[in-house]
Structures are given as C-alpha cells and as structure tokens.
Amino acid sequence: MCCLITTLFLMGPRAAILVWWLINQARWNLAFDTFLLPLLGFIFAPWTTLMYMIVFPAGVNGFDWIWIGLGILADLSTWFGGGYGNRDRLRG
C-alpha cells in the first residue's frame, strides 16, 4: 500500500487524491466534514490536501504544521513557478 501511494505521489497529487479517496473513503470522511473542502483542495491546493491527510490521524499539532507548510510551499511553487521559469521567453 505504501509503494502504491508513493507511486501516485510521483504521478501527481491529483491522481493520488483520487485513488486514495476511492480506496479509503472513511479516512476522508473523518478528516473533512463536507465534500466541499476536499474538492477545493483537489482543484486549488492538492499538495496541501495530501499533507493534511497524511498528518490527520494523530491530529494536527506541533511538527505536523511543518508538513502542511511544505504542502503549501509545493502548491505555491506549482502556481507561480511556471511564470518565474518562463520569464525570459517574453520580450520587453
């Protein structure tokens, strides 16, 4: 199971969210009260959603916030990294 989740992380966070939700819906139902937050996480912040699901079973406290912060940084880098990497392609 661990190798499957690691492979899905390498394929992309949205694939990991989709398969993990299909396999273990009870964990998602415990972590989130409504379907709206995981859906928004799937669309806008998939790395943060995955990090939250990883640290959720023991409760989010202490060092777990660093993992969630790394998820936020990964989401921000996917949103803004393309503009930074392609800045030299535009003239002017």
C-alpha atoms as a PDB file:
ATOM      1  CA  MET A   1       0.000   0.000   0.000  1.00  0.00           C
ATOM      2  CA  CYS A   2       2.824   2.402   0.823  1.00  0.00           C
ATOM      3  CA  CYS A   3       4.514   1.826  -2.543  1.00  0.00           C
ATOM      4  CA  LEU A   4       1.227   2.466  -4.341  1.00  0.00           C
ATOM      5  CA  ILE A   5       0.726   5.795  -2.588  1.00  0.00           C
ATOM      6  CA  THR A   6       4.349   6.790  -3.289  1.00  0.00           C
ATOM      7  CA  THR A   7       3.891   5.981  -6.973  1.00  0.00           C
ATOM      8  CA  LEU A   8       0.725   8.076  -7.046  1.00  0.00           C
ATOM      9  CA  PHE A   9       2.574  10.989  -5.443  1.00  0.00           C
ATOM     10  CA  LEU A  10       5.107  10.789  -8.249  1.00  0.00           C
ATOM     11  CA  MET A  11       2.338  10.728 -10.878  1.00  0.00           C
ATOM     12  CA  GLY A  12       0.823  13.845  -9.432  1.00  0.00           C
ATOM     13  CA  PRO A  13      -1.074  14.956  -6.375  1.00  0.00           C
ATOM     14  CA  ARG A  14      -4.488  14.887  -8.037  1.00  0.00           C
ATOM     15  CA  ALA A  15      -4.065  11.245  -9.056  1.00  0.00           C
ATOM     16  CA  ALA A  16      -3.013  10.399  -5.504  1.00  0.00           C
ATOM     17  CA  ILE A  17      -6.045  12.203  -4.065  1.00  0.00           C
ATOM     18  CA  LEU A  18      -8.430  10.444  -6.427  1.00  0.00           C
ATOM     19  CA  VAL A  19      -7.100   6.927  -5.829  1.00  0.00           C
ATOM     20  CA  TRP A  20      -6.678   7.438  -2.080  1.00  0.00           C
ATOM     21  CA  TRP A  21     -10.256   8.702  -1.848  1.00  0.00           C
ATOM     22  CA  LEU A  22     -11.532   5.683  -3.813  1.00  0.00           C
ATOM     23  CA  ILE A  23      -9.592   3.235  -1.641  1.00  0.00           C
ATOM     24  CA  ASN A  24     -10.125   4.751   1.821  1.00  0.00           C
ATOM     25  CA  GLN A  25     -13.242   6.937   1.911  1.00  0.00           C
ATOM     26  CA  ALA A  26     -13.671   6.504   5.670  1.00  0.00           C
ATOM     27  CA  ARG A  27     -10.431   8.382   6.381  1.00  0.00           C
ATOM     28  CA  TRP A  28     -11.529  11.273   4.150  1.00  0.00           C
ATOM     29  CA  ASN A  29     -14.913  11.387   5.867  1.00  0.00           C
ATOM     30  CA  LEU A  30     -13.207  11.603   9.262  1.00  0.00           C
ATOM     31  CA  ALA A  31     -10.845  14.354   8.138  1.00  0.00           C
ATOM     32  CA  PHE A  32     -13.392  16.555   6.405  1.00  0.00           C
ATOM     33  CA  ASP A  33     -16.965  17.327   7.431  1.00  0.00           C
ATOM     34  CA  THR A  34     -18.170  18.254   3.954  1.00  0.00           C
ATOM     35  CA  PHE A  35     -17.238  17.353   0.406  1.00  0.00           C
ATOM     36  CA  LEU A  36     -16.542  20.989  -0.449  1.00  0.00           C
ATOM     37  CA  LEU A  37     -13.126  21.324   1.266  1.00  0.00           C
ATOM     38  CA  PRO A  38     -11.544  18.244  -0.340  1.00  0.00           C
ATOM     39  CA  LEU A  39     -12.968  19.302  -3.707  1.00  0.00           C
ATOM     40  CA  LEU A  40     -11.444  22.769  -3.374  1.00  0.00           C
ATOM     41  CA  GLY A  41      -8.207  21.155  -2.224  1.00  0.00           C
ATOM     42  CA  PHE A  42      -8.273  18.863  -5.250  1.00  0.00           C
ATOM     43  CA  ILE A  43      -8.665  21.839  -7.589  1.00  0.00           C
ATOM     44  CA  PHE A  44      -6.535  24.562  -5.980  1.00  0.00           C
ATOM     45  CA  ALA A  45      -4.203  23.038  -3.367  1.00  0.00           C
ATOM     46  CA  PRO A  46      -3.624  19.315  -3.940  1.00  0.00           C
ATOM     47  CA  TRP A  47      -0.258  19.062  -2.138  1.00  0.00           C
ATOM     48  CA  THR A  48      -1.654  20.747   0.960  1.00  0.00           C
ATOM     49  CA  THR A  49      -4.663  18.426   0.933  1.00  0.00           C
ATOM     50  CA  LEU A  50      -2.414  15.371   0.716  1.00  0.00           C
ATOM     51  CA  MET A  51      -0.167  16.589   3.518  1.00  0.00           C
ATOM     52  CA  TYR A  52      -3.204  17.204   5.697  1.00  0.00           C
ATOM     53  CA  MET A  53      -4.440  13.684   5.040  1.00  0.00           C
ATOM     54  CA  ILE A  54      -1.047  12.236   5.945  1.00  0.00           C
ATOM     55  CA  VAL A  55      -0.805  14.008   9.316  1.00  0.00           C
ATOM     56  CA  PHE A  56      -4.509  13.917  10.183  1.00  0.00           C
ATOM     57  CA  PRO A  57      -4.861  10.566  12.057  1.00  0.00           C
ATOM     58  CA  ALA A  58      -2.871  11.728  15.096  1.00  0.00           C
ATOM     59  CA  GLY A  59      -4.269  15.251  14.978  1.00  0.00           C
ATOM     60  CA  VAL A  60      -2.537  18.296  13.590  1.00  0.00           C
ATOM     61  CA  ASN A  61      -0.171  19.647  16.228  1.00  0.00           C
ATOM     62  CA  GLY A  62       3.480  20.509  16.694  1.00  0.00           C
ATOM     63  CA  PHE A  63       5.741  19.277  13.916  1.00  0.00           C
ATOM     64  CA  ASP A  64       2.768  18.412  11.696  1.00  0.00           C
ATOM     65  CA  TRP A  65       2.374  22.093  10.822  1.00  0.00           C
ATOM     66  CA  ILE A  66       5.768  21.964   9.115  1.00  0.00           C
ATOM     67  CA  TRP A  67       4.497  19.203   6.799  1.00  0.00           C
ATOM     68  CA  ILE A  68       1.401  21.220   5.987  1.00  0.00           C
ATOM     69  CA  GLY A  69       3.621  24.258   5.377  1.00  0.00           C
ATOM     70  CA  LEU A  70       5.705  22.203   2.928  1.00  0.00           C
ATOM     71  CA  GLY A  71       2.482  21.280   1.142  1.00  0.00           C
ATOM     72  CA  ILE A  72       1.570  24.952   0.898  1.00  0.00           C
ATOM     73  CA  LEU A  73       5.026  25.760  -0.489  1.00  0.00           C
ATOM     74  CA  ALA A  74       4.663  22.984  -3.065  1.00  0.00           C
ATOM     75  CA  ASP A  75       1.283  24.366  -4.134  1.00  0.00           C
ATOM     76  CA  LEU A  76       2.634  27.891  -4.391  1.00  0.00           C
ATOM     77  CA  SER A  77       5.579  26.682  -6.451  1.00  0.00           C
ATOM     78  CA  THR A  78       3.273  24.914  -8.890  1.00  0.00           C
ATOM     79  CA  TRP A  79       1.108  28.026  -9.211  1.00  0.00           C
ATOM     80  CA  PHE A  80       3.890  30.610  -9.555  1.00  0.00           C
ATOM     81  CA  GLY A  81       6.925  28.587 -10.636  1.00  0.00           C
ATOM     82  CA  GLY A  82       5.916  28.492 -14.292  1.00  0.00           C
ATOM     83  CA  GLY A  83       5.862  32.267 -14.564  1.00  0.00           C
ATOM     84  CA  TYR A  84       9.268  32.544 -12.937  1.00  0.00           C
ATOM     85  CA  GLY A  85      10.785  29.825 -15.119  1.00  0.00           C
ATOM     86  CA  ASN A  86       9.395  31.267 -18.369  1.00  0.00           C
ATOM     87  CA  ARG A  87      10.148  34.927 -17.700  1.00  0.00           C
ATOM     88  CA  ASP A  88      12.950  35.031 -20.266  1.00  0.00           C
ATOM     89  CA  ARG A  89      10.749  33.817 -23.130  1.00  0.00           C
ATOM     90  CA  LEU A  90       8.803  37.076 -23.388  1.00  0.00           C
ATOM     91  CA  ARG A  91      10.485  40.126 -24.840  1.00  0.00           C
ATOM     92  CA  GLY A  92      10.161  43.561 -23.355  1.00  0.00           C
END
